[in-house]
Amino acid sequence: MKIGIIRCMQTEDMCPGYTDFKVIREKKGAFENVEGEIEIIGFNSCGGCPGKNAVTRAAKMVKLGADTIVLASCIMKGTPIGFPCPHAQVIKEAIARKLGDSITIIDYTH
């Protein structure tokens, strides 16, 4: 599995992505049933509200080899800031429209 991770720009100052990388490395959270190697192609923010760069950045990571786009827990679950992105579903749907059915989208990391 080759993944590109999109995170919330609001969390960049308080979250270095440590737990995202840890659950990937240890195959926990959203990755607990993944067999084989997980390669991180990219780790980028959405570009700020309302997620204006998420689609472009996801497409770039696919162009670089990602077969899966992961919306980090900060977007979908609100970790660590306490509330999910109000644009999360729109971002997910826009990425799915742009990239099509050949790309898997995972809703969270941990």
Protein backbone atom coordinates (compact mmCIF):
# COMPACT_ATOMS: atom_id res chain seq x y z
CA MET A 1 0.00 0.00 0.00
CA LYS A 2 1.29 3.44 -0.94
CA ILE A 3 -0.42 6.24 0.92
CA GLY A 4 -0.73 9.98 0.77
CA ILE A 5 -1.95 11.65 3.95
CA ILE A 6 -3.95 14.87 4.03
CA ARG A 7 -4.07 16.60 7.41
CA CYS A 8 -5.82 19.67 8.81
CA MET A 9 -3.76 22.83 8.46
CA GLN A 10 -5.19 24.08 11.76
CA THR A 11 -3.31 21.34 13.63
CA GLU A 12 0.15 21.90 12.17
CA ASP A 13 1.36 24.03 15.07
CA MET A 14 0.41 21.47 17.73
CA CYS A 15 0.75 18.12 15.97
CA PRO A 16 3.85 16.87 14.16
CA GLY A 17 2.00 13.80 12.88
CA TYR A 18 3.79 11.51 15.32
CA THR A 19 0.76 9.34 16.09
CA ASP A 20 -0.14 9.09 12.39
CA PHE A 21 3.31 7.73 11.59
CA LYS A 22 3.29 5.47 14.66
CA VAL A 23 -0.01 3.76 13.81
CA ILE A 24 1.18 3.25 10.24
CA ARG A 25 4.49 1.77 11.37
CA GLU A 26 2.80 -0.47 13.96
CA LYS A 27 -0.19 -1.27 11.70
CA LYS A 28 -2.76 -0.10 14.21
CA GLY A 29 -5.82 2.13 13.88
CA ALA A 30 -6.97 2.34 10.29
CA PHE A 31 -4.02 0.18 9.22
CA GLU A 32 -4.53 -2.85 11.49
CA ASN A 33 -5.73 -5.13 8.67
CA VAL A 34 -3.15 -4.07 6.10
CA GLU A 35 -0.89 -6.86 4.94
CA GLY A 36 2.44 -6.02 3.42
CA GLU A 37 4.49 -2.87 3.46
CA ILE A 38 2.99 0.61 3.84
CA GLU A 39 4.92 3.33 2.05
CA ILE A 40 4.19 6.98 2.78
CA ILE A 41 4.30 8.93 -0.48
CA GLY A 42 3.41 12.28 1.06
CA PHE A 43 2.11 14.07 4.13
CA ASN A 44 0.49 17.42 3.46
CA SER A 45 -2.16 19.76 4.80
CA CYS A 46 -5.52 20.51 3.23
CA GLY A 47 -4.33 24.04 2.54
CA GLY A 48 -6.61 25.66 5.10
CA CYS A 49 -10.35 26.09 5.36
CA PRO A 50 -12.37 25.04 3.50
CA GLY A 51 -9.79 22.45 2.38
CA LYS A 52 -9.10 24.36 -0.81
CA ASN A 53 -5.92 22.46 -1.74
CA ALA A 54 -6.82 18.95 -0.57
CA VAL A 55 -7.91 17.70 -3.99
CA THR A 56 -4.88 19.08 -5.82
CA ARG A 57 -2.50 17.72 -3.19
CA ALA A 58 -4.19 14.30 -3.19
CA ALA A 59 -3.94 14.18 -6.99
CA LYS A 60 -0.25 15.05 -6.83
CA MET A 61 0.42 12.24 -4.35
CA VAL A 62 -1.41 9.80 -6.65
CA LYS A 63 0.71 11.03 -9.53
CA LEU A 64 3.77 10.26 -7.36
CA GLY A 65 2.55 6.70 -6.78
CA ALA A 66 -0.04 6.72 -3.97
CA ASP A 67 -2.84 4.20 -4.36
CA THR A 68 -4.59 5.30 -1.16
CA ILE A 69 -5.40 8.74 0.20
CA VAL A 70 -5.80 8.97 3.97
CA LEU A 71 -7.70 11.82 5.59
CA ALA A 72 -5.95 12.13 8.93
CA SER A 73 -7.85 11.89 12.20
CA CYS A 74 -7.58 15.65 12.68
CA ILE A 75 -9.88 16.13 9.68
CA MET A 76 -12.41 13.37 10.22
CA LYS A 77 -12.37 12.91 14.02
CA GLY A 78 -11.11 16.28 15.25
CA THR A 79 -8.04 14.89 16.99
CA PRO A 80 -6.28 16.77 18.72
CA ILE A 81 -8.21 20.04 18.49
CA GLY A 82 -11.51 18.64 19.73
CA PHE A 83 -13.75 18.99 16.69
CA PRO A 84 -13.77 17.49 13.20
CA CYS A 85 -13.42 19.62 10.11
CA PRO A 86 -16.83 20.99 9.11
CA HIS A 87 -15.76 20.48 5.49
CA ALA A 88 -14.55 16.88 5.91
CA GLN A 89 -17.28 15.16 3.93
CA VAL A 90 -17.12 17.70 1.09
CA ILE A 91 -13.33 17.27 0.93
CA LYS A 92 -13.65 13.48 0.85
CA GLU A 93 -16.31 13.59 -1.89
CA ALA A 94 -14.30 16.05 -3.98
CA ILE A 95 -11.18 13.86 -3.76
CA ALA A 96 -13.24 10.79 -4.72
CA ARG A 97 -14.74 12.61 -7.73
CA LYS A 98 -11.33 13.78 -8.92
CA LEU A 99 -9.43 10.52 -8.41
CA GLY A 100 -12.12 7.97 -9.25
CA ASP A 101 -12.72 4.44 -8.05
CA SER A 102 -9.17 3.20 -8.57
CA ILE A 103 -7.98 5.10 -5.47
CA THR A 104 -8.94 4.05 -1.95
CA ILE A 105 -9.82 6.74 0.59
CA ILE A 106 -9.37 6.01 4.29
CA ASP A 107 -11.32 8.21 6.72
CA TYR A 108 -8.87 8.38 9.62
CA THR A 109 -5.46 7.31 10.88
CA HIS A 110 -5.94 6.62 14.60
